[in-house]
C-alpha atoms as a PDB file:
ATOM      1  CA  MET A   1     -25.751  77.803  47.976  1.00  0.00           C
ATOM      2  CA  ASN A   2     -24.168  75.435  50.505  1.00  0.00           C
ATOM      3  CA  LYS A   3     -21.410  73.474  48.777  1.00  0.00           C
ATOM      4  CA  ASP A   4     -19.242  70.807  50.372  1.00  0.00           C
ATOM      5  CA  PHE A   5     -16.362  71.466  47.977  1.00  0.00           C
ATOM      6  CA  LEU A   6     -14.527  74.568  46.784  1.00  0.00           C
ATOM      7  CA  SER A   7     -12.751  75.079  43.481  1.00  0.00           C
ATOM      8  CA  THR A   8      -9.126  76.155  43.424  1.00  0.00           C
ATOM      9  CA  THR A   9     -10.287  79.583  42.254  1.00  0.00           C
ATOM     10  CA  GLU A  10     -12.595  79.915  45.265  1.00  0.00           C
ATOM     11  CA  VAL A  11      -9.824  78.808  47.631  1.00  0.00           C
ATOM     12  CA  ALA A  12      -7.425  81.315  46.064  1.00  0.00           C
ATOM     13  CA  GLU A  13      -9.927  84.154  46.495  1.00  0.00           C
ATOM     14  CA  MET A  14     -10.684  83.124  50.066  1.00  0.00           C
ATOM     15  CA  LEU A  15      -6.991  82.983  51.034  1.00  0.00           C
ATOM     16  CA  GLY A  16      -6.010  86.039  49.011  1.00  0.00           C
ATOM     17  CA  ILE A  17      -3.433  84.148  46.956  1.00  0.00           C
ATOM     18  CA  SER A  18      -3.107  83.116  43.330  1.00  0.00           C
ATOM     19  CA  ARG A  19      -4.403  79.850  41.892  1.00  0.00           C
ATOM     20  CA  VAL A  20      -0.790  78.848  41.233  1.00  0.00           C
ATOM     21  CA  ALA A  21      -0.051  79.323  44.937  1.00  0.00           C
ATOM     22  CA  VAL A  22      -3.045  77.100  45.749  1.00  0.00           C
ATOM     23  CA  PHE A  23      -1.738  74.409  43.394  1.00  0.00           C
ATOM     24  CA  ASN A  24       1.720  74.672  44.993  1.00  0.00           C
ATOM     25  CA  ARG A  25       0.208  74.269  48.466  1.00  0.00           C
ATOM     26  CA  ILE A  26      -1.766  71.255  47.260  1.00  0.00           C
ATOM     27  CA  LYS A  27       1.409  69.760  45.809  1.00  0.00           C
ATOM     28  CA  ARG A  28       3.283  70.319  49.121  1.00  0.00           C
ATOM     29  CA  GLY A  29       0.387  68.800  51.075  1.00  0.00           C
ATOM     30  CA  GLU A  30      -0.460  72.034  52.887  1.00  0.00           C
ATOM     31  CA  ILE A  31      -3.937  71.985  51.378  1.00  0.00           C
ATOM     32  CA  LYS A  32      -5.656  68.632  51.012  1.00  0.00           C
ATOM     33  CA  ALA A  33      -7.514  68.286  47.734  1.00  0.00           C
ATOM     34  CA  ASP A  34      -9.228  65.643  45.655  1.00  0.00           C
ATOM     35  CA  LYS A  35      -8.626  65.402  41.944  1.00  0.00           C
ATOM     36  CA  ILE A  36     -11.729  65.147  39.799  1.00  0.00           C
ATOM     37  CA  GLY A  37     -10.780  64.761  36.172  1.00  0.00           C
ATOM     38  CA  ARG A  38      -8.209  67.474  35.500  1.00  0.00           C
ATOM     39  CA  ASN A  39      -9.373  69.686  38.351  1.00  0.00           C
ATOM     40  CA  PHE A  40      -8.790  69.775  42.084  1.00  0.00           C
ATOM     41  CA  VAL A  41     -11.505  70.398  44.663  1.00  0.00           C
ATOM     42  CA  VAL A  42     -11.004  71.229  48.324  1.00  0.00           C
ATOM     43  CA  ARG A  43     -13.373  70.137  51.066  1.00  0.00           C
ATOM     44  CA  ARG A  44     -15.019  73.142  52.699  1.00  0.00           C
ATOM     45  CA  ASP A  45     -14.741  71.564  56.168  1.00  0.00           C
ATOM     46  CA  GLN A  46     -10.945  71.672  55.844  1.00  0.00           C
ATOM     47  CA  PHE A  47     -11.167  75.346  56.792  1.00  0.00           C
ATOM     48  CA  GLY A  48     -12.727  74.674  60.177  1.00  0.00           C
ATOM     49  CA  GLY A  49     -15.439  77.025  61.343  1.00  0.00           C
ATOM     50  CA  VAL A  50     -14.673  79.777  58.858  1.00  0.00           C
ATOM     51  CA  PHE A  51     -18.035  79.296  57.159  1.00  0.00           C
ATOM     52  CA  LYS A  52     -20.207  78.834  60.239  1.00  0.00           C
ATOM     53  CA  LYS A  53     -22.750  81.523  61.003  1.00  0.00           C
ATOM     54  CA  SER A  54     -22.109  81.450  64.755  1.00  0.00           C
ATOM     55  CA  LEU A  55     -19.464  80.197  67.147  1.00  0.00           C
ATOM     56  CA  GLU A  56     -19.858  77.516  69.760  1.00  0.00           C
ATOM     57  CA  LYS A  57     -19.398  78.657  73.366  1.00  0.00           C
ATOM     58  CA  ASP A  58     -15.863  77.237  73.680  1.00  0.00           C
ATOM     59  CA  GLU A  59     -14.838  78.732  70.327  1.00  0.00           C
ATOM     60  CA  LYS A  60     -16.166  82.117  71.418  1.00  0.00           C
ATOM     61  CA  GLU A  61     -14.148  81.916  74.650  1.00  0.00           C
ATOM     62  CA  VAL A  62     -10.962  81.213  72.672  1.00  0.00           C
ATOM     63  CA  VAL A  63     -11.621  84.187  70.380  1.00  0.00           C
ATOM     64  CA  ASP A  64     -12.408  86.451  73.343  1.00  0.00           C
ATOM     65  CA  MET A  65      -9.168  85.460  75.086  1.00  0.00           C
ATOM     66  CA  ALA A  66      -7.167  86.099  71.916  1.00  0.00           C
ATOM     67  CA  VAL A  67      -8.751  89.534  71.452  1.00  0.00           C
ATOM     68  CA  GLU A  68      -8.033  90.438  75.074  1.00  0.00           C
ATOM     69  CA  LYS A  69      -4.398  89.375  74.675  1.00  0.00           C
ATOM     70  CA  VAL A  70      -3.970  91.420  71.501  1.00  0.00           C
ATOM     71  CA  LEU A  71      -5.548  94.485  73.091  1.00  0.00           C
ATOM     72  CA  LYS A  72      -3.389  94.123  76.196  1.00  0.00           C
ATOM     73  CA  GLU A  73      -0.158  93.763  74.222  1.00  0.00           C
ATOM     74  CA  TYR A  74      -0.866  96.070  71.279  1.00  0.00           C
ATOM     75  CA  GLY A  75      -3.674  98.348  72.460  1.00  0.00           C
ATOM     76  CA  GLU A  76      -1.657 101.583  72.307  1.00  0.00           C
ATOM     77  CA  THR A  77      -0.252 100.709  68.890  1.00  0.00           C
ATOM     78  CA  LEU A  78      -3.731  99.969  67.575  1.00  0.00           C
ATOM     79  CA  LYS A  79      -4.968 103.317  68.886  1.00  0.00           C
ATOM     80  CA  LEU A  80      -2.093 105.117  67.155  1.00  0.00           C
ATOM     81  CA  LEU A  81      -2.767 103.266  63.907  1.00  0.00           C
ATOM     82  CA  GLY A  82      -6.437 104.183  64.148  1.00  0.00           C
ATOM     83  CA  ASN A  83      -5.537 107.865  64.283  1.00  0.00           C
ATOM     84  CA  THR A  84      -3.614 107.852  61.015  1.00  0.00           C
END
């Protein structure tokens, strides 16, 4: 189902934090949310392209450059971690 809004529970699960942490981030303005009745909802598009099925060409280039940088700087460490 393609929803435009996420509940605070869904946001918490997606970010790997508690619902209380989501509420605190909403209160601090770190997460923008709309209040509907007693509940908050978060616009799905606030999370950028996280939910897209494929990347645009320029987005893919940015990801590729970031991966190359990580491998260049931490390649040996990643290999060692993979052997544990």
